[in-house]
N, C-alpha and C. Protein backbone atom coordinates (compact mmCIF):
# COMPACT_ATOMS: atom_id res chain seq x y z
N MET A 1 1.28 -1.33 -0.26
CA MET A 1 0.21 -0.08 -0.16
C MET A 1 0.76 1.08 -0.45
N LYS A 2 0.40 2.61 -0.77
CA LYS A 2 1.35 3.63 -1.33
C LYS A 2 1.11 4.18 0.89
N GLN A 3 2.29 4.31 1.38
CA GLN A 3 1.86 5.73 2.15
C GLN A 3 1.23 6.74 2.30
N LEU A 4 0.46 7.02 3.25
CA LEU A 4 -0.22 7.78 3.38
C LEU A 4 -0.19 9.42 3.35
N SER A 5 -0.25 10.60 3.48
CA SER A 5 0.37 11.89 3.33
C SER A 5 -0.10 11.88 4.20
N ARG A 6 1.14 13.00 4.58
CA ARG A 6 0.70 13.54 6.75
C ARG A 6 -0.97 13.83 6.86
N PRO A 7 -1.71 14.75 6.63
CA PRO A 7 -3.03 15.01 6.81
C PRO A 7 -3.53 13.51 6.49
N ALA A 8 -3.52 12.96 5.52
CA ALA A 8 -4.27 11.59 6.09
C ALA A 8 -4.23 10.92 6.79
N ARG A 9 -2.85 10.23 7.20
CA ARG A 9 -2.58 9.73 8.13
C ARG A 9 -2.88 10.55 9.62
N ARG A 10 -2.83 11.36 9.79
CA ARG A 10 -3.18 12.44 11.07
C ARG A 10 -5.07 12.28 11.23
N ALA A 11 -5.88 12.46 9.82
CA ALA A 11 -6.79 11.92 9.96
C ALA A 11 -7.59 10.66 10.56
N PHE A 12 -6.18 9.79 9.19
CA PHE A 12 -7.00 8.06 10.70
C PHE A 12 -6.12 7.76 11.61
N LEU A 13 -5.34 8.66 11.76
CA LEU A 13 -4.71 8.54 13.43
C LEU A 13 -5.68 8.78 14.53
N VAL A 14 -6.55 10.26 14.17
CA VAL A 14 -7.48 10.67 14.59
C VAL A 14 -9.05 9.95 14.73
N VAL A 15 -9.42 9.24 13.76
CA VAL A 15 -10.94 8.13 13.58
C VAL A 15 -10.40 6.67 14.49
N HIS A 16 -9.27 6.29 14.54
CA HIS A 16 -8.25 5.38 15.13
C HIS A 16 -8.56 5.48 16.85
N VAL A 17 -8.21 6.58 17.11
CA VAL A 17 -7.93 7.01 18.73
C VAL A 17 -9.26 7.03 19.22
N VAL A 18 -9.56 7.93 18.33
CA VAL A 18 -11.62 8.35 19.10
C VAL A 18 -11.84 6.79 18.92
N ALA A 19 -12.24 5.77 17.52
CA ALA A 19 -12.97 4.58 17.93
C ALA A 19 -12.72 3.62 19.00
N SER A 20 -11.08 3.68 18.88
CA SER A 20 -10.66 3.05 20.54
C SER A 20 -10.88 3.47 21.68
N ALA A 21 -10.92 4.65 21.94
CA ALA A 21 -11.41 5.53 23.04
C ALA A 21 -12.91 5.25 23.42
N SER A 22 -13.91 5.17 22.51
CA SER A 22 -15.26 4.80 22.32
C SER A 22 -15.28 3.43 23.01
N TRP A 23 -14.39 2.68 21.73
CA TRP A 23 -14.39 0.75 22.48
C TRP A 23 -14.74 0.81 23.68
N LEU A 24 -13.11 1.57 24.47
CA LEU A 24 -13.25 1.15 25.97
C LEU A 24 -13.97 2.30 26.82
N GLY A 25 -14.33 3.04 26.61
CA GLY A 25 -15.65 3.33 27.54
C GLY A 25 -16.60 2.35 27.54
N LEU A 26 -17.10 1.94 25.94
CA LEU A 26 -17.89 1.93 26.55
C LEU A 26 -18.15 -0.11 27.30
N THR A 27 -16.88 -0.12 26.65
CA THR A 27 -16.58 -1.83 27.69
C THR A 27 -16.88 -1.39 29.20
N LEU A 28 -16.02 0.22 29.41
CA LEU A 28 -16.10 0.66 31.10
C LEU A 28 -18.00 0.51 31.53
N GLY A 29 -18.55 0.89 29.94
CA GLY A 29 -20.30 1.05 30.63
C GLY A 29 -20.49 0.12 30.98
N LEU A 30 -20.42 -1.38 29.64
CA LEU A 30 -21.27 -2.60 30.11
C LEU A 30 -20.40 -2.44 31.24
N LEU A 31 -19.43 -2.73 31.81
CA LEU A 31 -18.69 -3.49 33.38
C LEU A 31 -19.54 -3.19 34.15
N ALA A 32 -19.90 -1.70 34.36
CA ALA A 32 -20.57 -1.04 35.65
C ALA A 32 -22.02 -1.39 35.44
N LEU A 33 -22.68 -1.36 34.51
CA LEU A 33 -24.11 -2.15 33.96
C LEU A 33 -24.07 -3.62 34.36
N GLY A 34 -23.24 -4.35 34.07
CA GLY A 34 -23.23 -5.78 33.84
C GLY A 34 -23.21 -5.97 36.10
N VAL A 35 -21.79 -5.32 36.27
CA VAL A 35 -22.33 -5.20 37.90
C VAL A 35 -23.08 -4.72 38.87
N THR A 36 -23.33 -3.82 38.37
CA THR A 36 -24.81 -3.08 38.69
C THR A 36 -25.95 -4.44 38.77
N ALA A 37 -25.94 -4.88 37.48
CA ALA A 37 -27.39 -6.12 37.26
C ALA A 37 -26.70 -7.43 38.44
N THR A 38 -25.57 -7.77 38.26
CA THR A 38 -25.48 -9.16 39.26
C THR A 38 -26.03 -8.73 40.95
N THR A 39 -25.37 -7.57 41.43
CA THR A 39 -25.56 -6.93 42.81
C THR A 39 -26.43 -6.73 43.12
N GLY A 40 -27.33 -6.16 42.02
CA GLY A 40 -28.58 -5.42 42.30
C GLY A 40 -29.78 -7.06 42.70
N THR A 41 -30.88 -6.50 43.81
CA THR A 41 -31.75 -7.13 44.13
C THR A 41 -32.82 -6.49 43.36
N ALA A 42 -33.72 -5.48 43.54
CA ALA A 42 -34.74 -5.50 42.79
C ALA A 42 -34.20 -6.04 41.19
N ALA A 43 -35.99 -6.44 40.79
CA ALA A 43 -35.38 -6.96 39.57
C ALA A 43 -35.65 -5.86 38.44
N VAL A 44 -35.94 -4.54 38.53
CA VAL A 44 -36.34 -3.53 38.10
C VAL A 44 -34.90 -3.00 37.57
N THR A 45 -34.30 -2.94 38.26
CA THR A 45 -33.10 -2.55 38.36
C THR A 45 -32.74 -3.52 37.55
N VAL A 46 -32.33 -5.37 37.57
CA VAL A 46 -31.59 -6.08 36.72
C VAL A 46 -32.39 -6.02 35.36
N GLU A 47 -33.13 -5.97 35.37
CA GLU A 47 -33.44 -5.42 33.84
C GLU A 47 -33.39 -4.06 33.61
N ALA A 48 -32.98 -3.18 33.68
CA ALA A 48 -33.08 -2.48 33.54
C ALA A 48 -31.34 -2.22 32.49
N CYS A 49 -30.34 -3.09 33.98
CA CYS A 49 -29.11 -3.11 33.11
C CYS A 49 -28.82 -4.06 32.38
N VAL A 50 -29.47 -4.58 32.33
CA VAL A 50 -29.50 -5.61 31.15
C VAL A 50 -30.09 -5.50 29.94
N ARG A 51 -31.00 -4.07 29.15
CA ARG A 51 -31.40 -3.93 28.83
C ARG A 51 -30.32 -2.69 28.18
N GLY A 52 -30.10 -2.11 29.33
CA GLY A 52 -28.22 -0.95 28.61
C GLY A 52 -27.98 -1.42 28.39
N MET A 53 -27.13 -3.06 28.59
CA MET A 53 -25.81 -3.48 28.20
C MET A 53 -26.30 -3.63 26.62
N LYS A 54 -27.65 -4.45 26.26
CA LYS A 54 -27.85 -5.28 25.11
C LYS A 54 -27.98 -4.12 24.05
N LEU A 55 -28.35 -2.32 24.82
CA LEU A 55 -28.64 -1.18 24.00
C LEU A 55 -26.70 -1.15 23.74
N PHE A 56 -25.81 -1.13 24.06
CA PHE A 56 -24.19 -0.57 24.31
C PHE A 56 -23.63 -1.71 23.19
N ALA A 57 -24.61 -3.38 23.52
CA ALA A 57 -23.91 -4.71 22.55
C ALA A 57 -24.47 -4.24 21.43
N ASP A 58 -25.34 -4.20 20.83
CA ASP A 58 -26.01 -4.02 19.60
C ASP A 58 -25.93 -2.78 18.76
N ARG A 59 -25.64 -2.13 19.11
CA ARG A 59 -25.90 -0.66 18.85
C ARG A 59 -24.52 0.07 18.74
N LEU A 60 -23.94 -0.01 19.32
CA LEU A 60 -22.96 0.80 19.87
C LEU A 60 -21.27 0.10 20.11
N LEU A 61 -21.23 -0.72 20.45
CA LEU A 61 -19.77 -1.91 20.37
C LEU A 61 -19.15 -2.62 19.26
N LEU A 62 -20.46 -3.09 18.20
CA LEU A 62 -19.68 -3.87 17.42
C LEU A 62 -19.00 -2.51 16.00
N PRO A 63 -19.92 -1.42 15.39
CA PRO A 63 -19.54 -0.05 14.83
C PRO A 63 -18.52 -0.06 15.36
N ALA A 64 -18.28 0.78 16.64
CA ALA A 64 -16.53 0.61 16.95
C ALA A 64 -15.54 0.08 17.36
N ALA A 65 -15.78 -1.06 17.20
CA ALA A 65 -14.31 -1.98 16.61
C ALA A 65 -14.55 -2.89 15.59
N LEU A 66 -15.39 -2.39 14.74
CA LEU A 66 -14.92 -2.30 13.25
C LEU A 66 -14.16 -0.84 12.90
N LEU A 67 -14.57 0.09 13.85
CA LEU A 67 -13.83 1.10 12.80
C LEU A 67 -12.21 1.67 13.31
N THR A 68 -12.30 0.64 14.89
CA THR A 68 -11.12 0.68 15.61
C THR A 68 -10.10 -0.71 14.43
N LEU A 69 -10.65 -1.61 13.88
CA LEU A 69 -9.71 -2.42 13.18
C LEU A 69 -9.48 -1.72 11.69
N LEU A 70 -10.18 -1.30 11.68
CA LEU A 70 -10.22 -1.06 9.64
C LEU A 70 -9.36 0.28 10.13
N SER A 71 -9.70 1.56 10.62
CA SER A 71 -8.02 2.72 10.69
C SER A 71 -7.38 2.93 11.41
N GLY A 72 -6.66 0.92 12.25
CA GLY A 72 -5.58 0.41 12.55
C GLY A 72 -4.85 0.11 11.28
N LEU A 73 -6.31 -0.90 10.29
CA LEU A 73 -5.05 -1.74 9.19
C LEU A 73 -4.54 -0.62 8.49
N VAL A 74 -5.49 0.46 8.23
CA VAL A 74 -5.36 1.13 7.21
C VAL A 74 -3.76 2.53 7.69
N LEU A 75 -4.05 2.59 9.04
CA LEU A 75 -2.12 3.42 9.51
C LEU A 75 -0.83 2.17 9.74
N SER A 76 -1.09 0.38 9.92
CA SER A 76 -0.34 0.10 9.75
C SER A 76 0.21 -0.26 8.49
N LEU A 77 -0.49 -0.10 7.52
CA LEU A 77 0.10 -0.49 5.92
C LEU A 77 0.24 0.49 5.51
N GLY A 78 -0.27 1.56 5.62
CA GLY A 78 0.28 3.08 5.18
C GLY A 78 0.95 4.06 5.61
N THR A 79 1.81 3.07 6.91
CA THR A 79 2.93 3.49 7.50
C THR A 79 3.94 3.09 7.57
N PRO A 80 5.28 3.76 7.84
CA PRO A 80 6.24 2.76 7.53
C PRO A 80 6.26 1.93 8.76
N TRP A 81 5.30 1.85 10.46
CA TRP A 81 5.72 0.66 10.64
C TRP A 81 4.91 -1.14 10.60
N GLY A 82 4.46 -0.30 8.85
CA GLY A 82 3.74 -1.70 8.51
C GLY A 82 2.59 -2.76 9.52
N LEU A 83 2.15 -2.98 9.07
CA LEU A 83 1.35 -4.52 10.04
C LEU A 83 2.58 -5.59 10.19
N ALA A 84 3.37 -6.15 9.60
CA ALA A 84 3.57 -7.77 10.12
C ALA A 84 5.25 -7.23 10.16
N ARG A 85 5.78 -5.59 10.28
CA ARG A 85 7.35 -4.75 10.48
C ARG A 85 8.01 -5.26 11.92
N HIS A 86 6.46 -5.03 13.12
CA HIS A 86 6.84 -4.93 14.26
C HIS A 86 5.94 -5.79 15.35
N ARG A 87 6.59 -6.25 16.29
CA ARG A 87 5.38 -7.31 17.30
C ARG A 87 4.37 -6.90 17.79
N TRP A 88 4.73 -5.42 18.00
CA TRP A 88 3.39 -5.47 19.23
C TRP A 88 2.83 -4.86 18.03
N VAL A 89 2.37 -4.19 16.83
CA VAL A 89 1.68 -3.87 15.94
C VAL A 89 0.93 -5.54 15.33
N TRP A 90 1.45 -6.18 14.71
CA TRP A 90 1.22 -7.73 14.85
C TRP A 90 -0.01 -8.29 16.22
N ALA A 91 0.95 -7.97 17.46
CA ALA A 91 -0.09 -8.72 18.25
C ALA A 91 -1.21 -7.37 18.49
N LYS A 92 -1.26 -6.11 18.70
CA LYS A 92 -2.14 -5.36 18.47
C LYS A 92 -3.41 -5.79 17.20
N PHE A 93 -2.59 -6.17 15.84
CA PHE A 93 -3.57 -6.46 15.04
C PHE A 93 -4.58 -7.54 15.36
N TRP A 94 -4.14 -8.98 15.81
CA TRP A 94 -4.59 -10.28 16.26
C TRP A 94 -5.90 -10.14 17.19
N LEU A 95 -5.23 -9.25 18.21
CA LEU A 95 -6.00 -9.06 19.52
C LEU A 95 -7.18 -8.45 19.08
N THR A 96 -7.23 -7.18 18.51
CA THR A 96 -7.93 -6.41 17.98
C THR A 96 -8.60 -7.23 17.09
N LEU A 97 -8.58 -8.42 16.14
CA LEU A 97 -9.86 -8.72 15.54
C LEU A 97 -10.30 -9.56 16.08
N ALA A 98 -9.28 -10.29 17.08
CA ALA A 98 -10.10 -11.60 18.43
C ALA A 98 -10.85 -11.01 19.38
N THR A 99 -10.49 -9.52 19.71
CA THR A 99 -12.31 -9.20 20.46
C THR A 99 -12.84 -8.57 19.69
N THR A 100 -12.43 -8.18 18.26
CA THR A 100 -14.12 -7.99 17.57
C THR A 100 -14.84 -8.94 17.28
N THR A 101 -14.12 -10.20 16.88
CA THR A 101 -14.95 -11.56 17.01
C THR A 101 -15.59 -12.04 18.52
N ALA A 102 -14.78 -11.75 18.94
CA ALA A 102 -15.71 -12.15 20.28
C ALA A 102 -16.51 -11.43 20.67
N THR A 103 -16.52 -10.34 20.49
CA THR A 103 -17.87 -8.76 20.95
C THR A 103 -18.75 -8.96 19.97
N ALA A 104 -18.85 -9.97 18.55
CA ALA A 104 -19.94 -10.27 17.73
C ALA A 104 -20.40 -11.40 18.17
N PHE A 105 -19.65 -12.58 18.59
CA PHE A 105 -20.14 -14.24 18.21
C PHE A 105 -20.16 -14.39 19.89
N ALA A 106 -19.66 -13.93 20.81
CA ALA A 106 -19.77 -14.10 21.90
C ALA A 106 -20.07 -13.42 23.11
N LEU A 107 -19.76 -11.55 22.81
CA LEU A 107 -20.08 -10.66 24.01
C LEU A 107 -22.10 -10.80 24.01
N ARG A 108 -21.92 -10.28 22.34
CA ARG A 108 -23.27 -9.94 22.17
C ARG A 108 -24.24 -10.94 22.09
N PRO A 109 -24.36 -12.57 22.29
CA PRO A 109 -25.55 -13.10 22.51
C PRO A 109 -25.72 -13.69 24.27
N GLY A 110 -24.17 -14.04 24.92
CA GLY A 110 -24.68 -13.40 26.04
C GLY A 110 -25.00 -12.43 26.72
N VAL A 111 -25.49 -11.76 26.11
CA VAL A 111 -25.63 -9.91 26.41
C VAL A 111 -27.46 -10.81 26.14
N ASP A 112 -27.94 -10.51 24.76
CA ASP A 112 -29.05 -11.36 24.58
C ASP A 112 -29.57 -12.17 25.55
N SER A 113 -28.72 -13.51 26.00
CA SER A 113 -29.49 -14.71 27.16
C SER A 113 -29.64 -13.89 27.83
N ALA A 114 -29.27 -13.11 28.52
CA ALA A 114 -29.35 -12.38 30.07
C ALA A 114 -30.89 -11.78 29.52
N VAL A 115 -31.09 -10.74 28.55
CA VAL A 115 -32.10 -9.96 28.85
C VAL A 115 -33.42 -10.81 28.48
N ALA A 116 -33.15 -11.92 27.46
CA ALA A 116 -34.44 -12.58 27.25
C ALA A 116 -34.92 -13.45 29.06
N ALA A 117 -33.95 -14.22 29.28
CA ALA A 117 -34.44 -14.75 30.92
C ALA A 117 -34.62 -13.55 31.72
N VAL A 118 -34.29 -12.38 31.85
CA VAL A 118 -34.85 -11.07 33.06
C VAL A 118 -36.32 -10.96 32.04
N ALA A 119 -36.42 -10.49 30.59
CA ALA A 119 -37.47 -9.50 30.68
C ALA A 119 -38.81 -11.07 30.58
N ALA A 120 -38.47 -11.89 30.99
CA ALA A 120 -38.94 -13.33 31.18
C ALA A 120 -39.91 -13.36 32.46
N GLY A 121 -39.04 -12.94 33.48
CA GLY A 121 -39.10 -12.99 34.50
C GLY A 121 -38.40 -13.72 35.76
N HIS A 122 -37.51 -14.06 35.13
CA HIS A 122 -36.47 -15.48 35.72
C HIS A 122 -35.12 -14.73 36.63
N PRO A 123 -35.06 -15.03 36.90
CA PRO A 123 -33.46 -14.49 37.11
C PRO A 123 -31.90 -14.12 36.55
N LEU A 124 -30.89 -14.00 36.77
CA LEU A 124 -30.20 -13.53 35.75
C LEU A 124 -29.21 -14.84 35.52
N PRO A 125 -29.40 -15.40 34.12
CA PRO A 125 -29.41 -17.06 34.63
C PRO A 125 -27.62 -17.26 35.07
N ASP A 126 -26.68 -16.66 34.61
CA ASP A 126 -25.19 -16.50 34.93
C ASP A 126 -24.09 -14.82 35.09
N ALA A 127 -23.90 -15.27 36.09
CA ALA A 127 -22.97 -13.34 36.18
C ALA A 127 -22.31 -13.59 34.78
N GLY A 128 -21.51 -14.44 34.61
CA GLY A 128 -20.26 -14.85 33.76
C GLY A 128 -21.10 -14.32 32.05
N ASP A 129 -22.11 -13.93 31.90
CA ASP A 129 -22.47 -14.03 30.27
C ASP A 129 -22.64 -12.34 30.20
N VAL A 130 -22.54 -11.87 31.64
CA VAL A 130 -22.87 -9.85 31.52
C VAL A 130 -21.22 -9.20 32.35
N LEU A 131 -20.77 -10.45 33.15
CA LEU A 131 -19.28 -9.83 33.62
C LEU A 131 -18.19 -10.40 32.85
N MET A 132 -17.53 -11.35 32.59
CA MET A 132 -17.07 -11.36 32.20
C MET A 132 -16.73 -11.46 30.15
N GLY A 133 -16.97 -11.53 29.68
CA GLY A 133 -17.31 -10.30 28.39
C GLY A 133 -16.39 -9.01 28.24
N PRO A 134 -16.90 -8.03 29.45
CA PRO A 134 -16.41 -6.94 29.63
C PRO A 134 -15.19 -6.50 30.37
N VAL A 135 -14.98 -8.22 31.34
CA VAL A 135 -13.36 -8.10 31.85
C VAL A 135 -12.26 -8.59 31.04
N VAL A 136 -12.93 -9.31 30.77
CA VAL A 136 -11.50 -9.83 29.66
C VAL A 136 -11.60 -8.90 27.97
N SER A 137 -12.36 -8.36 27.91
CA SER A 137 -12.23 -6.94 26.99
C SER A 137 -11.63 -5.70 27.04
N LEU A 138 -12.22 -5.58 28.42
CA LEU A 138 -11.25 -4.52 29.09
C LEU A 138 -9.85 -4.58 28.90
N SER A 139 -9.69 -5.52 29.70
CA SER A 139 -8.03 -6.17 30.21
C SER A 139 -7.40 -6.11 28.84
N ALA A 140 -7.92 -6.91 27.31
CA ALA A 140 -6.92 -6.42 26.05
C ALA A 140 -7.14 -5.51 25.70
N TYR A 141 -7.67 -4.36 25.68
CA TYR A 141 -8.07 -3.16 25.26
C TYR A 141 -7.03 -2.44 26.20
N VAL A 142 -6.84 -2.23 27.55
CA VAL A 142 -5.95 -1.69 28.47
C VAL A 142 -4.56 -2.48 27.51
N PHE A 143 -4.10 -3.96 27.88
CA PHE A 143 -2.84 -4.38 27.01
C PHE A 143 -2.50 -3.40 25.99
N MET A 144 -3.54 -3.22 25.04
CA MET A 144 -3.62 -3.38 23.34
C MET A 144 -2.77 -1.53 23.57
N THR A 145 -3.70 -0.21 24.57
CA THR A 145 -2.99 1.01 24.97
C THR A 145 -1.36 0.83 25.43
N VAL A 146 -1.38 0.08 26.06
CA VAL A 146 0.14 0.28 26.87
C VAL A 146 1.24 -0.49 25.83
N VAL A 147 0.66 -1.49 24.91
CA VAL A 147 1.92 -1.74 23.75
C VAL A 147 1.83 -0.76 23.08
N SER A 148 0.24 -0.02 22.50
CA SER A 148 0.63 1.06 21.91
C SER A 148 1.62 2.40 22.29
N VAL A 149 1.62 2.40 23.46
CA VAL A 149 2.61 3.65 24.44
C VAL A 149 3.95 3.04 23.88
N LEU A 150 4.39 2.12 24.81
CA LEU A 150 6.22 1.15 25.14
C LEU A 150 6.16 0.87 23.55
N LYS A 151 5.46 0.01 22.29
CA LYS A 151 5.81 -0.17 21.37
C LYS A 151 7.22 -1.28 22.03
N PRO A 152 6.81 -2.42 22.67
CA PRO A 152 8.20 -3.75 22.79
C PRO A 152 8.27 -4.29 21.95
N TRP A 153 9.07 -5.41 22.20
CA TRP A 153 9.31 -6.35 21.33
C TRP A 153 10.03 -6.58 20.09
N GLY A 154 10.12 -5.48 20.23
CA GLY A 154 11.56 -5.56 18.23
C GLY A 154 10.65 -5.77 17.20
N PRO A 155 11.70 -5.87 16.05
CA PRO A 155 11.10 -6.07 14.78
C PRO A 155 10.63 -7.22 14.50
N THR A 156 9.70 -7.89 13.96
CA THR A 156 9.00 -9.23 13.60
C THR A 156 10.27 -10.28 12.28
N ARG A 157 10.04 -11.18 12.69
CA ARG A 157 11.34 -11.83 11.43
C ARG A 157 11.32 -11.37 9.79
N ARG A 158 9.91 -10.87 9.17
CA ARG A 158 9.33 -10.06 8.44
C ARG A 158 10.40 -8.87 7.46
N GLY A 159 10.10 -7.62 9.52
CA GLY A 159 11.20 -6.83 9.87
C GLY A 159 12.55 -6.90 9.70
N ARG A 160 13.06 -7.68 10.17
CA ARG A 160 14.60 -7.94 10.44
C ARG A 160 15.42 -7.76 8.87
N ARG A 161 14.03 -8.99 8.58
CA ARG A 161 14.41 -9.62 7.07
C ARG A 161 14.47 -8.13 5.92
N LEU A 162 13.73 -7.08 5.56
CA LEU A 162 13.63 -5.79 4.70
C LEU A 162 14.69 -5.46 5.60
N ARG A 163 15.18 -4.84 7.43
CA ARG A 163 15.52 -4.11 7.34
C ARG A 163 17.45 -4.76 6.66
N ALA A 164 17.19 -5.91 6.98
CA ALA A 164 18.71 -6.14 6.57
C ALA A 164 19.12 -6.42 5.32
N ALA A 165 17.73 -6.59 4.45
CA ALA A 165 17.66 -6.19 2.62
C ALA A 165 18.71 -5.31 2.05
N GLY A 166 18.10 -4.24 3.20
CA GLY A 166 19.12 -2.58 2.84
C GLY A 166 17.67 -2.03 1.84
N ARG A 167 17.07 -2.13 2.28
CA ARG A 167 15.58 -1.01 2.29
C ARG A 167 16.05 0.56 2.93
N PRO A 168 15.44 1.28 1.95
CA PRO A 168 16.19 2.26 2.97
C PRO A 168 15.18 2.29 4.27
N PRO A 169 15.58 2.86 5.55
CA PRO A 169 15.28 3.70 6.27
C PRO A 169 13.74 4.74 6.42
N ARG A 170 13.09 4.12 6.82
CA ARG A 170 12.04 5.48 6.52
C ARG A 170 11.90 6.15 8.41
N ARG A 171 11.33 7.35 7.50
CA ARG A 171 11.19 8.42 8.88
C ARG A 171 10.43 7.74 10.46
N ALA A 172 10.57 7.15 10.92
CA ALA A 172 9.62 6.79 12.02
C ALA A 172 8.94 7.98 12.48
N GLU A 173 7.19 7.66 12.50
CA GLU A 173 6.20 8.21 12.62
C GLU A 173 4.99 7.62 14.28
N PRO A 174 4.81 8.61 14.60
CA PRO A 174 3.68 8.22 15.43
C PRO A 174 3.14 6.55 15.08
N ALA A 175 3.01 5.66 16.03
CA ALA A 175 2.43 4.71 15.88
C ALA A 175 0.85 4.91 16.29
N PRO A 176 -0.09 3.96 15.37
CA PRO A 176 -1.74 3.59 15.53
C PRO A 176 -1.79 2.81 16.46
N ARG A 177 -3.17 3.65 16.88
CA ARG A 177 -3.04 3.10 18.60
C ARG A 177 -4.61 2.42 18.34
């Protein structure tokens, strides 16, 4: 992919940071609602919390996750960091892909089953359905944020090969988040 111009790179970086922060914030909101639902004694409180979680999961999480994934992919391919040149970029890509997939196929169905049970007048079926998804997601997002800031682990085998092949070094630019 051709290198992004400076204005395009900055625009994609802003989109990526805002989408990532939104995904992190939504997950914190899910966690707060999940904790309230599992510790709440009033049925109306539990139902309001799981319905709020459903709104977040159905309408907001997946678009934020996909925007984070796509903007990160464009940034990695359109900047000198590359997708497979540095281990930290590679790790973030796979972890973002995994958490996006988990959001679509594990977190959302868990929240949906909790809403169905509570709406039918049953107690919350399993605290894991409403707590584990947000806890795991939050841990992954915090880890990815730390990796974005610290940029550990050095180049991948491909990155070392490209460097050894004598490709001219490119100017280091701020890392995509």
